[in-house]
Amino acid sequence: MRAPDAVPGEPVSTSPLAEERGGAWQTGMVAGATGLRLVLAPVVMGLVLGRMDLAAAALFLLAALTDYLDGYLARHWRVSTATGSFLDTTADKVLVTAALIGLVGISRTSAWAALVIVGRELVIMGLRGSAALQGVLITASQFGRVKAATQFAAILCSILDLSRPLGPLGLDQWLMLLAVVVTLGSGTDYLIRFAKVAVRQQRNSSAA
């Protein structure tokens, strides 16, 4: 379940979400799509570690598609909530982390790449939680969506071992390197937006 997209020029919302809500079954379907990613994450990792590439790739692709499905359904049915948005992004991070652990375990990807990606996700998740406790919702940016798509593509290629040489690196290695760069860029963008919120709140507190 995703929070609604931010109004252009207003990437940060400091007020509760106030959307028309769908019925219980719509909310359940959106939550189910999010929950499916959490359920599939350890299964994908196990299949990767077992070198069952096709099965692992198929389940990972299915899980990745639910990320777009629950976002679309949440917006279409207007069942977005702050809690749903947090769980949705958390499910993405669990799926990516589980897949990367499996890939590092069978030497399909660099441990450094995995560390950068997982470390970024943990830091941002902590900041989102901290902001939420203060009643601030920092919505996903377009940069964040590109980051997720790049990570999914890189992981999928690594699971399928698409290591066709392209210069000094294989295709899967180039994609993972791209994922690392985009992940760092997205993290920097989020930190800047978070800092702007912190400065704004401090000014408001001083003015009060």
Foldseek 3Di string as FASTA:
>chain_A
DADDQDDVVDQKDLAFDDWDAADPVLVVVLVVLLVLLVVCQLVLLVCLLVLVLVVSLVSLVSNLVSLVVSVVSCVVRVHDGLVSNLSSLVSLLSNLLSLVVSLVNVVLADPVLSCLLNVLSVVLSVLQVVCVVVSMHRHDDPLNVVLSVLSSVLSSCSSVVQQCDDPPGGPSHVSSVVSSVSSVVSSVVSVVVSVVVVVVVVVVVVVD
